[in-house]
Amino acid sequence: MANQKLDTLDKQILRLISEDARIPFLEVARACNVSGAAIHQRIQKLTNMGILRGSQFIIDPERMGFETCAYIGLNLKNPESFDEVVEKLKEIPEVVECHYTTGDYDLFIKLYAINNHHLLTIIHDKLQPLGLARSESIISFHSAIDRQLPIAELTLKDDEE
């Protein structure tokens, strides 16, 4: 589904809603100089195409008491157990992302812990029993960039081609 064909209106809508997911459709319609019904139809089309996957409120983990953000590369003893390990990772609430990767790791996860002691407990009690050969942890001090794909810049590049 790569390289979906989007017209200028689709890109305008994506730029506006990516900047503010709570923007009223009527305001999007005014900014795009089309009817509210047209915006509803386009949003439905973008959703059906899989480009839009819903909207959500973002909870700040640190303000909820989860002060440690860690990225952990996992090497499995048995790489054929990918699917089983991923299903078990889904049951660990602190794990917020899991990626199949190339390079040094079989899987790469992102998780939040209350502190370093909690992180150690997660690694020891929840990750090691999954059949890890080894793991490597990287603790994030602060996220310097945390954003959606910037539609405005991509729109300009696409329109130049």
Foldseek 3Di string as FASTA:
>chain_A
DPPDDDDPLLLLLCQVCQVPVPDDLCVSCVVSVHDSVVSVVSVVVCVVVVVDDDDDDDDDVVVVQQQWKKKKAFAAPDLVCVVVLVVLLVVVVQWDDWDQDDDDGRIITIGTHNDVVRVVCCCVPRVVVSGTPDMDMDIDNDDPDDGDDNSVVVVVVVVVD
